[in-house]
PDB file of N, CA and C in Angstrom:
ATOM      1  N   MET A   1     -45.480  -0.132  43.801  1.00  0.00           N
ATOM      2  CA  MET A   1     -46.412  -1.185  43.483  1.00  0.00           C
ATOM      3  C   MET A   1     -47.824  -0.700  43.789  1.00  0.00           C
ATOM      4  N   ASP A   2     -48.739  -0.984  42.896  1.00  0.00           N
ATOM      5  CA  ASP A   2     -50.107  -0.533  43.129  1.00  0.00           C
ATOM      6  C   ASP A   2     -50.883  -1.548  43.959  1.00  0.00           C
ATOM      7  N   LYS A   3     -52.043  -1.123  44.422  1.00  0.00           N
ATOM      8  CA  LYS A   3     -52.858  -1.950  45.321  1.00  0.00           C
ATOM      9  C   LYS A   3     -53.321  -3.236  44.644  1.00  0.00           C
ATOM     10  N   LEU A   4     -53.655  -3.174  43.354  1.00  0.00           N
ATOM     11  CA  LEU A   4     -54.115  -4.361  42.639  1.00  0.00           C
ATOM     12  C   LEU A   4     -53.027  -5.432  42.601  1.00  0.00           C
ATOM     13  N   SER A   5     -51.803  -5.032  42.333  1.00  0.00           N
ATOM     14  CA  SER A   5     -50.700  -5.997  42.302  1.00  0.00           C
ATOM     15  C   SER A   5     -50.490  -6.642  43.668  1.00  0.00           C
ATOM     16  N   THR A   6     -50.573  -5.839  44.708  1.00  0.00           N
ATOM     17  CA  THR A   6     -50.422  -6.363  46.064  1.00  0.00           C
ATOM     18  C   THR A   6     -51.541  -7.342  46.391  1.00  0.00           C
ATOM     19  N   ASP A   7     -52.773  -6.970  46.069  1.00  0.00           N
ATOM     20  CA  ASP A   7     -53.913  -7.847  46.340  1.00  0.00           C
ATOM     21  C   ASP A   7     -53.815  -9.152  45.558  1.00  0.00           C
ATOM     22  N   LEU A   8     -53.414  -9.084  44.303  1.00  0.00           N
ATOM     23  CA  LEU A   8     -53.270 -10.301  43.502  1.00  0.00           C
ATOM     24  C   LEU A   8     -52.139 -11.183  44.025  1.00  0.00           C
ATOM     25  N   GLY A   9     -51.062 -10.573  44.483  1.00  0.00           N
ATOM     26  CA  GLY A   9     -49.963 -11.345  45.059  1.00  0.00           C
ATOM     27  C   GLY A   9     -50.379 -12.075  46.322  1.00  0.00           C
ATOM     28  N   ILE A  10     -51.112 -11.386  47.181  1.00  0.00           N
ATOM     29  CA  ILE A  10     -51.597 -12.014  48.417  1.00  0.00           C
ATOM     30  C   ILE A  10     -52.593 -13.120  48.099  1.00  0.00           C
ATOM     31  N   LEU A  11     -53.471 -12.885  47.121  1.00  0.00           N
ATOM     32  CA  LEU A  11     -54.422 -13.917  46.702  1.00  0.00           C
ATOM     33  C   LEU A  11     -53.683 -15.149  46.198  1.00  0.00           C
ATOM     34  N   PHE A  12     -52.671 -14.943  45.367  1.00  0.00           N
ATOM     35  CA  PHE A  12     -51.892 -16.060  44.850  1.00  0.00           C
ATOM     36  C   PHE A  12     -51.240 -16.851  45.983  1.00  0.00           C
ATOM     37  N   LEU A  13     -50.647 -16.152  46.947  1.00  0.00           N
ATOM     38  CA  LEU A  13     -50.008 -16.833  48.077  1.00  0.00           C
ATOM     39  C   LEU A  13     -51.017 -17.618  48.907  1.00  0.00           C
ATOM     40  N   ARG A  14     -52.195 -17.031  49.150  1.00  0.00           N
ATOM     41  CA  ARG A  14     -53.233 -17.729  49.922  1.00  0.00           C
ATOM     42  C   ARG A  14     -53.687 -18.994  49.209  1.00  0.00           C
ATOM     43  N   VAL A  15     -53.968 -18.874  47.913  1.00  0.00           N
ATOM     44  CA  VAL A  15     -54.469 -20.024  47.156  1.00  0.00           C
ATOM     45  C   VAL A  15     -53.389 -21.091  47.010  1.00  0.00           C
ATOM     46  N   ALA A  16     -52.188 -20.696  46.650  1.00  0.00           N
ATOM     47  CA  ALA A  16     -51.113 -21.671  46.437  1.00  0.00           C
ATOM     48  C   ALA A  16     -50.754 -22.405  47.726  1.00  0.00           C
ATOM     49  N   SER A  17     -50.558 -21.672  48.811  1.00  0.00           N
ATOM     50  CA  SER A  17     -50.193 -22.337  50.067  1.00  0.00           C
ATOM     51  C   SER A  17     -51.346 -23.175  50.602  1.00  0.00           C
ATOM     52  N   GLY A  18     -52.564 -22.705  50.418  1.00  0.00           N
ATOM     53  CA  GLY A  18     -53.724 -23.472  50.867  1.00  0.00           C
ATOM     54  C   GLY A  18     -53.873 -24.781  50.115  1.00  0.00           C
ATOM     55  N   LEU A  19     -53.719 -24.728  48.798  1.00  0.00           N
ATOM     56  CA  LEU A  19     -53.829 -25.953  48.002  1.00  0.00           C
ATOM     57  C   LEU A  19     -52.693 -26.920  48.296  1.00  0.00           C
ATOM     58  N   MET A  20     -51.501 -26.389  48.575  1.00  0.00           N
ATOM     59  CA  MET A  20     -50.381 -27.266  48.923  1.00  0.00           C
ATOM     60  C   MET A  20     -50.603 -27.961  50.265  1.00  0.00           C
ATOM     61  N   MET A  21     -51.392 -27.376  51.140  1.00  0.00           N
ATOM     62  CA  MET A  21     -51.691 -28.018  52.422  1.00  0.00           C
ATOM     63  C   MET A  21     -52.882 -28.969  52.277  1.00  0.00           C
ATOM     64  N   ILE A  22     -53.879 -28.571  51.505  1.00  0.00           N
ATOM     65  CA  ILE A  22     -55.090 -29.388  51.388  1.00  0.00           C
ATOM     66  C   ILE A  22     -54.799 -30.715  50.700  1.00  0.00           C
ATOM     67  N   PHE A  23     -54.202 -30.679  49.512  1.00  0.00           N
ATOM     68  CA  PHE A  23     -54.153 -31.906  48.731  1.00  0.00           C
ATOM     69  C   PHE A  23     -53.153 -32.939  49.211  1.00  0.00           C
ATOM     70  N   PRO A  24     -51.940 -32.636  49.544  1.00  0.00           N
ATOM     71  CA  PRO A  24     -51.119 -33.737  50.037  1.00  0.00           C
ATOM     72  C   PRO A  24     -51.455 -34.152  51.473  1.00  0.00           C
ATOM     73  N   HIS A  25     -51.993 -33.243  52.271  1.00  0.00           N
ATOM     74  CA  HIS A  25     -52.176 -33.538  53.695  1.00  0.00           C
ATOM     75  C   HIS A  25     -53.645 -33.699  54.081  1.00  0.00           C
ATOM     76  N   GLY A  26     -54.409 -32.639  54.018  1.00  0.00           N
ATOM     77  CA  GLY A  26     -55.784 -32.649  54.515  1.00  0.00           C
ATOM     78  C   GLY A  26     -56.711 -33.583  53.767  1.00  0.00           C
ATOM     79  N   TRP A  27     -56.622 -33.583  52.435  1.00  0.00           N
ATOM     80  CA  TRP A  27     -57.537 -34.402  51.641  1.00  0.00           C
ATOM     81  C   TRP A  27     -57.314 -35.889  51.907  1.00  0.00           C
ATOM     82  N   SER A  28     -56.064 -36.323  51.978  1.00  0.00           N
ATOM     83  CA  SER A  28     -55.797 -37.746  52.210  1.00  0.00           C
ATOM     84  C   SER A  28     -56.282 -38.180  53.591  1.00  0.00           C
ATOM     85  N   LYS A  29     -56.159 -37.307  54.580  1.00  0.00           N
ATOM     86  CA  LYS A  29     -56.665 -37.644  55.915  1.00  0.00           C
ATOM     87  C   LYS A  29     -58.189 -37.687  55.930  1.00  0.00           C
ATOM     88  N   LEU A  30     -58.831 -36.777  55.201  1.00  0.00           N
ATOM     89  CA  LEU A  30     -60.292 -36.733  55.160  1.00  0.00           C
ATOM     90  C   LEU A  30     -60.857 -37.953  54.443  1.00  0.00           C
ATOM     91  N   VAL A  31     -60.282 -38.300  53.298  1.00  0.00           N
ATOM     92  CA  VAL A  31     -60.784 -39.419  52.502  1.00  0.00           C
ATOM     93  C   VAL A  31     -60.527 -40.755  53.200  1.00  0.00           C
ATOM     94  N   ASN A  32     -59.393 -40.894  53.855  1.00  0.00           N
ATOM     95  CA  ASN A  32     -59.023 -42.152  54.524  1.00  0.00           C
ATOM     96  C   ASN A  32     -59.190 -42.060  56.033  1.00  0.00           C
ATOM     97  N   PHE A  33     -60.175 -41.303  56.475  1.00  0.00           N
ATOM     98  CA  PHE A  33     -60.352 -41.056  57.909  1.00  0.00           C
ATOM     99  C   PHE A  33     -60.477 -42.360  58.700  1.00  0.00           C
ATOM    100  N   GLY A  34     -61.329 -43.254  58.256  1.00  0.00           N
ATOM    101  CA  GLY A  34     -61.548 -44.514  58.969  1.00  0.00           C
ATOM    102  C   GLY A  34     -60.308 -45.384  59.025  1.00  0.00           C
ATOM    103  N   ALA A  35     -59.563 -45.425  57.944  1.00  0.00           N
ATOM    104  CA  ALA A  35     -58.365 -46.262  57.887  1.00  0.00           C
ATOM    105  C   ALA A  35     -57.237 -45.693  58.746  1.00  0.00           C
ATOM    106  N   LYS A  36     -57.173 -44.381  58.875  1.00  0.00           N
ATOM    107  CA  LYS A  36     -56.090 -43.743  59.628  1.00  0.00           C
ATOM    108  C   LYS A  36     -56.390 -43.619  61.117  1.00  0.00           C
ATOM    109  N   MET A  37     -57.643 -43.846  61.521  1.00  0.00           N
ATOM    110  CA  MET A  37     -58.041 -43.586  62.907  1.00  0.00           C
ATOM    111  C   MET A  37     -57.206 -44.350  63.932  1.00  0.00           C
ATOM    112  N   GLY A  38     -57.004 -45.621  63.718  1.00  0.00           N
ATOM    113  CA  GLY A  38     -56.312 -46.422  64.721  1.00  0.00           C
ATOM    114  C   GLY A  38     -54.835 -46.120  64.854  1.00  0.00           C
ATOM    115  N   GLY A  39     -54.168 -45.817  63.746  1.00  0.00           N
ATOM    116  CA  GLY A  39     -52.725 -45.648  63.785  1.00  0.00           C
ATOM    117  C   GLY A  39     -52.240 -44.214  63.785  1.00  0.00           C
ATOM    118  N   PHE A  40     -53.143 -43.264  63.953  1.00  0.00           N
ATOM    119  CA  PHE A  40     -52.721 -41.861  63.910  1.00  0.00           C
ATOM    120  C   PHE A  40     -52.008 -41.504  65.210  1.00  0.00           C
ATOM    121  N   PRO A  41     -50.898 -40.771  65.140  1.00  0.00           N
ATOM    122  CA  PRO A  41     -50.161 -40.400  66.359  1.00  0.00           C
ATOM    123  C   PRO A  41     -51.001 -39.547  67.310  1.00  0.00           C
ATOM    124  N   ASP A  42     -50.732 -39.704  68.590  1.00  0.00           N
ATOM    125  CA  ASP A  42     -51.467 -38.961  69.618  1.00  0.00           C
ATOM    126  C   ASP A  42     -50.476 -38.222  70.515  1.00  0.00           C
ATOM    127  N   PRO A  43     -49.874 -37.142  70.011  1.00  0.00           N
ATOM    128  CA  PRO A  43     -48.834 -36.462  70.794  1.00  0.00           C
ATOM    129  C   PRO A  43     -49.363 -35.680  71.988  1.00  0.00           C
ATOM    130  N   LEU A  44     -50.645 -35.359  72.002  1.00  0.00           N
ATOM    131  CA  LEU A  44     -51.204 -34.537  73.079  1.00  0.00           C
ATOM    132  C   LEU A  44     -51.936 -35.355  74.136  1.00  0.00           C
ATOM    133  N   GLY A  45     -52.056 -36.660  73.919  1.00  0.00           N
ATOM    134  CA  GLY A  45     -52.736 -37.514  74.880  1.00  0.00           C
ATOM    135  C   GLY A  45     -54.247 -37.371  74.871  1.00  0.00           C
ATOM    136  N   ILE A  46     -54.823 -36.978  73.741  1.00  0.00           N
ATOM    137  CA  ILE A  46     -56.282 -36.809  73.652  1.00  0.00           C
ATOM    138  C   ILE A  46     -56.940 -37.931  72.870  1.00  0.00           C
ATOM    139  N   GLY A  47     -56.164 -38.882  72.420  1.00  0.00           N
ATOM    140  CA  GLY A  47     -56.680 -40.001  71.653  1.00  0.00           C
ATOM    141  C   GLY A  47     -56.417 -39.809  70.171  1.00  0.00           C
ATOM    142  N   PRO A  48     -56.190 -40.915  69.463  1.00  0.00           N
ATOM    143  CA  PRO A  48     -55.882 -40.802  68.036  1.00  0.00           C
ATOM    144  C   PRO A  48     -57.042 -40.245  67.207  1.00  0.00           C
ATOM    145  N   THR A  49     -58.281 -40.561  67.585  1.00  0.00           N
ATOM    146  CA  THR A  49     -59.427 -40.050  66.824  1.00  0.00           C
ATOM    147  C   THR A  49     -59.543 -38.539  66.954  1.00  0.00           C
ATOM    148  N   ALA A  50     -59.376 -38.021  68.160  1.00  0.00           N
ATOM    149  CA  ALA A  50     -59.445 -36.570  68.362  1.00  0.00           C
ATOM    150  C   ALA A  50     -58.272 -35.872  67.681  1.00  0.00           C
ATOM    151  N   SER A  51     -57.095 -36.480  67.722  1.00  0.00           N
ATOM    152  CA  SER A  51     -55.934 -35.894  67.052  1.00  0.00           C
ATOM    153  C   SER A  51     -56.137 -35.850  65.540  1.00  0.00           C
ATOM    154  N   LEU A  52     -56.663 -36.933  64.985  1.00  0.00           N
ATOM    155  CA  LEU A  52     -56.928 -36.976  63.547  1.00  0.00           C
ATOM    156  C   LEU A  52     -58.018 -35.983  63.161  1.00  0.00           C
ATOM    157  N   THR A  53     -59.058 -35.880  63.978  1.00  0.00           N
ATOM    158  CA  THR A  53     -60.130 -34.914  63.710  1.00  0.00           C
ATOM    159  C   THR A  53     -59.584 -33.492  63.710  1.00  0.00           C
ATOM    160  N   GLY A  54     -58.733 -33.172  64.662  1.00  0.00           N
ATOM    161  CA  GLY A  54     -58.122 -31.847  64.703  1.00  0.00           C
ATOM    162  C   GLY A  54     -57.242 -31.581  63.498  1.00  0.00           C
ATOM    163  N   ALA A  55     -56.491 -32.588  63.083  1.00  0.00           N
ATOM    164  CA  ALA A  55     -55.629 -32.421  61.910  1.00  0.00           C
ATOM    165  C   ALA A  55     -56.456 -32.216  60.647  1.00  0.00           C
ATOM    166  N   VAL A  56     -57.533 -32.980  60.496  1.00  0.00           N
ATOM    167  CA  VAL A  56     -58.410 -32.816  59.327  1.00  0.00           C
ATOM    168  C   VAL A  56     -59.063 -31.442  59.343  1.00  0.00           C
ATOM    169  N   PHE A  57     -59.554 -31.024  60.499  1.00  0.00           N
ATOM    170  CA  PHE A  57     -60.172 -29.701  60.614  1.00  0.00           C
ATOM    171  C   PHE A  57     -59.189 -28.614  60.204  1.00  0.00           C
ATOM    172  N   THR A  58     -57.975 -28.725  60.690  1.00  0.00           N
ATOM    173  CA  THR A  58     -56.968 -27.704  60.410  1.00  0.00           C
ATOM    174  C   THR A  58     -56.486 -27.752  58.969  1.00  0.00           C
ATOM    175  N   GLU A  59     -56.076 -28.926  58.516  1.00  0.00           N
ATOM    176  CA  GLU A  59     -55.423 -29.044  57.217  1.00  0.00           C
ATOM    177  C   GLU A  59     -56.396 -28.983  56.053  1.00  0.00           C
ATOM    178  N   PHE A  60     -57.680 -29.181  56.299  1.00  0.00           N
ATOM    179  CA  PHE A  60     -58.648 -29.116  55.204  1.00  0.00           C
ATOM    180  C   PHE A  60     -59.581 -27.921  55.354  1.00  0.00           C
ATOM    181  N   PHE A  61     -60.358 -27.901  56.427  1.00  0.00           N
ATOM    182  CA  PHE A  61     -61.398 -26.879  56.553  1.00  0.00           C
ATOM    183  C   PHE A  61     -60.834 -25.484  56.840  1.00  0.00           C
ATOM    184  N   CYS A  62     -59.838 -25.382  57.701  1.00  0.00           N
ATOM    185  CA  CYS A  62     -59.236 -24.061  57.951  1.00  0.00           C
ATOM    186  C   CYS A  62     -58.516 -23.546  56.709  1.00  0.00           C
ATOM    187  N   GLN A  63     -57.940 -24.446  55.935  1.00  0.00           N
ATOM    188  CA  GLN A  63     -57.278 -24.023  54.699  1.00  0.00           C
ATOM    189  C   GLN A  63     -58.277 -23.485  53.687  1.00  0.00           C
ATOM    190  N   ILE A  64     -59.461 -24.067  53.633  1.00  0.00           N
ATOM    191  CA  ILE A  64     -60.492 -23.536  52.738  1.00  0.00           C
ATOM    192  C   ILE A  64     -60.855 -22.115  53.149  1.00  0.00           C
ATOM    193  N   LEU A  65     -60.993 -21.880  54.449  1.00  0.00           N
ATOM    194  CA  LEU A  65     -61.276 -20.519  54.917  1.00  0.00           C
ATOM    195  C   LEU A  65     -60.157 -19.559  54.528  1.00  0.00           C
ATOM    196  N   ILE A  66     -58.919 -20.000  54.656  1.00  0.00           N
ATOM    197  CA  ILE A  66     -57.786 -19.146  54.299  1.00  0.00           C
ATOM    198  C   ILE A  66     -57.783 -18.856  52.799  1.00  0.00           C
ATOM    199  N   ILE A  67     -58.026 -19.867  51.976  1.00  0.00           N
ATOM    200  CA  ILE A  67     -58.081 -19.654  50.527  1.00  0.00           C
ATOM    201  C   ILE A  67     -59.163 -18.645  50.170  1.00  0.00           C
ATOM    202  N   LEU A  68     -60.324 -18.763  50.799  1.00  0.00           N
ATOM    203  CA  LEU A  68     -61.433 -17.851  50.506  1.00  0.00           C
ATOM    204  C   LEU A  68     -61.259 -16.484  51.153  1.00  0.00           C
ATOM    205  N   GLY A  69     -60.305 -16.361  52.058  1.00  0.00           N
ATOM    206  CA  GLY A  69     -60.063 -15.089  52.723  1.00  0.00           C
ATOM    207  C   GLY A  69     -61.054 -14.790  53.829  1.00  0.00           C
ATOM    208  N   ILE A  70     -61.664 -15.829  54.387  1.00  0.00           N
ATOM    209  CA  ILE A  70     -62.662 -15.676  55.447  1.00  0.00           C
ATOM    210  C   ILE A  70     -61.992 -15.954  56.791  1.00  0.00           C
ATOM    211  N   LYS A  71     -61.987 -14.946  57.668  1.00  0.00           N
ATOM    212  CA  LYS A  71     -61.416 -15.108  59.014  1.00  0.00           C
ATOM    213  C   LYS A  71     -60.020 -15.733  58.957  1.00  0.00           C
ATOM    214  N   THR A  72     -59.165 -15.189  58.114  1.00  0.00           N
ATOM    215  CA  THR A  72     -57.849 -15.798  57.900  1.00  0.00           C
ATOM    216  C   THR A  72     -56.994 -15.821  59.164  1.00  0.00           C
ATOM    217  N   ARG A  73     -57.076 -14.789  59.971  1.00  0.00           N
ATOM    218  CA  ARG A  73     -56.266 -14.784  61.199  1.00  0.00           C
ATOM    219  C   ARG A  73     -56.727 -15.861  62.156  1.00  0.00           C
ATOM    220  N   TRP A  74     -58.032 -16.024  62.310  1.00  0.00           N
ATOM    221  CA  TRP A  74     -58.556 -17.061  63.203  1.00  0.00           C
ATOM    222  C   TRP A  74     -58.310 -18.449  62.625  1.00  0.00           C
ATOM    223  N   ALA A  75     -58.439 -18.591  61.309  1.00  0.00           N
ATOM    224  CA  ALA A  75     -58.232 -19.894  60.673  1.00  0.00           C
ATOM    225  C   ALA A  75     -56.766 -20.311  60.699  1.00  0.00           C
ATOM    226  N   SER A  76     -55.861 -19.349  60.796  1.00  0.00           N
ATOM    227  CA  SER A  76     -54.439 -19.695  60.806  1.00  0.00           C
ATOM    228  C   SER A  76     -53.947 -20.135  62.185  1.00  0.00           C
ATOM    229  N   LEU A  77     -54.674 -19.818  63.240  1.00  0.00           N
ATOM    230  CA  LEU A  77     -54.237 -20.225  64.586  1.00  0.00           C
ATOM    231  C   LEU A  77     -54.213 -21.744  64.763  1.00  0.00           C
ATOM    232  N   PRO A  78     -55.281 -22.476  64.378  1.00  0.00           N
ATOM    233  CA  PRO A  78     -55.177 -23.941  64.485  1.00  0.00           C
ATOM    234  C   PRO A  78     -54.077 -24.509  63.591  1.00  0.00           C
ATOM    235  N   LEU A  79     -53.856 -23.878  62.442  1.00  0.00           N
ATOM    236  CA  LEU A  79     -52.793 -24.328  61.551  1.00  0.00           C
ATOM    237  C   LEU A  79     -51.426 -24.144  62.202  1.00  0.00           C
ATOM    238  N   LEU A  80     -51.219 -23.016  62.828  1.00  0.00           N
ATOM    239  CA  LEU A  80     -49.965 -22.764  63.539  1.00  0.00           C
ATOM    240  C   LEU A  80     -49.742 -23.819  64.623  1.00  0.00           C
ATOM    241  N   PHE A  81     -50.769 -24.089  65.415  1.00  0.00           N
ATOM    242  CA  PHE A  81     -50.667 -25.075  66.488  1.00  0.00           C
ATOM    243  C   PHE A  81     -50.362 -26.467  65.929  1.00  0.00           C
ATOM    244  N   THR A  82     -51.084 -26.867  64.883  1.00  0.00           N
ATOM    245  CA  THR A  82     -50.884 -28.189  64.289  1.00  0.00           C
ATOM    246  C   THR A  82     -49.479 -28.335  63.720  1.00  0.00           C
ATOM    247  N   MET A  83     -48.995 -27.305  63.059  1.00  0.00           N
ATOM    248  CA  MET A  83     -47.656 -27.377  62.473  1.00  0.00           C
ATOM    249  C   MET A  83     -46.564 -27.367  63.546  1.00  0.00           C
ATOM    250  N   LEU A  84     -46.787 -26.659  64.651  1.00  0.00           N
ATOM    251  CA  LEU A  84     -45.828 -26.710  65.759  1.00  0.00           C
ATOM    252  C   LEU A  84     -45.769 -28.110  66.363  1.00  0.00           C
ATOM    253  N   VAL A  85     -46.927 -28.728  66.568  1.00  0.00           N
ATOM    254  CA  VAL A  85     -46.963 -30.097  67.098  1.00  0.00           C
ATOM    255  C   VAL A  85     -46.270 -31.047  66.130  1.00  0.00           C
ATOM    256  N   ALA A  86     -46.556 -30.917  64.836  1.00  0.00           N
ATOM    257  CA  ALA A  86     -45.926 -31.789  63.840  1.00  0.00           C
ATOM    258  C   ALA A  86     -44.412 -31.593  63.816  1.00  0.00           C
ATOM    259  N   THR A  87     -43.966 -30.363  63.947  1.00  0.00           N
ATOM    260  CA  THR A  87     -42.532 -30.079  63.962  1.00  0.00           C
ATOM    261  C   THR A  87     -41.860 -30.731  65.162  1.00  0.00           C
ATOM    262  N   PHE A  88     -42.470 -30.608  66.332  1.00  0.00           N
ATOM    263  CA  PHE A  88     -41.882 -31.221  67.524  1.00  0.00           C
ATOM    264  C   PHE A  88     -41.958 -32.740  67.475  1.00  0.00           C
ATOM    265  N   MET A  89     -42.962 -33.290  66.803  1.00  0.00           N
ATOM    266  CA  MET A  89     -43.047 -34.749  66.649  1.00  0.00           C
ATOM    267  C   MET A  89     -41.911 -35.265  65.761  1.00  0.00           C
ATOM    268  N   VAL A  90     -41.633 -34.550  64.694  1.00  0.00           N
ATOM    269  CA  VAL A  90     -40.627 -35.008  63.734  1.00  0.00           C
ATOM    270  C   VAL A  90     -39.212 -34.694  64.213  1.00  0.00           C
ATOM    271  N   HIS A  91     -39.018 -33.484  64.734  1.00  0.00           N
ATOM    272  CA  HIS A  91     -37.667 -33.046  65.086  1.00  0.00           C
ATOM    273  C   HIS A  91     -37.369 -33.132  66.582  1.00  0.00           C
ATOM    274  N   GLY A  92     -38.367 -33.560  67.344  1.00  0.00           N
ATOM    275  CA  GLY A  92     -38.258 -33.865  68.734  1.00  0.00           C
ATOM    276  C   GLY A  92     -37.726 -32.893  69.672  1.00  0.00           C
TER     277      GLY A  92
END
């Protein structure tokens, strides 16, 4: 496989996975921030507003960085943390 094919494959994975996280998750939280503030889960004990802010930051803004290929390793750390918390919330 040549370098161009590898680069295009990685680009496709970054864009596809980023868009799948932004639109069903991050965008709805960002647009409905005020409505979701009171009822958002607080698994870390930092308050629902701080938890929602962290989720929006991770699921929207960090995903944009990942799609653009800017600081992808650093941008993926909050995503990893958020997804681990979500997994433990759902699967206990």
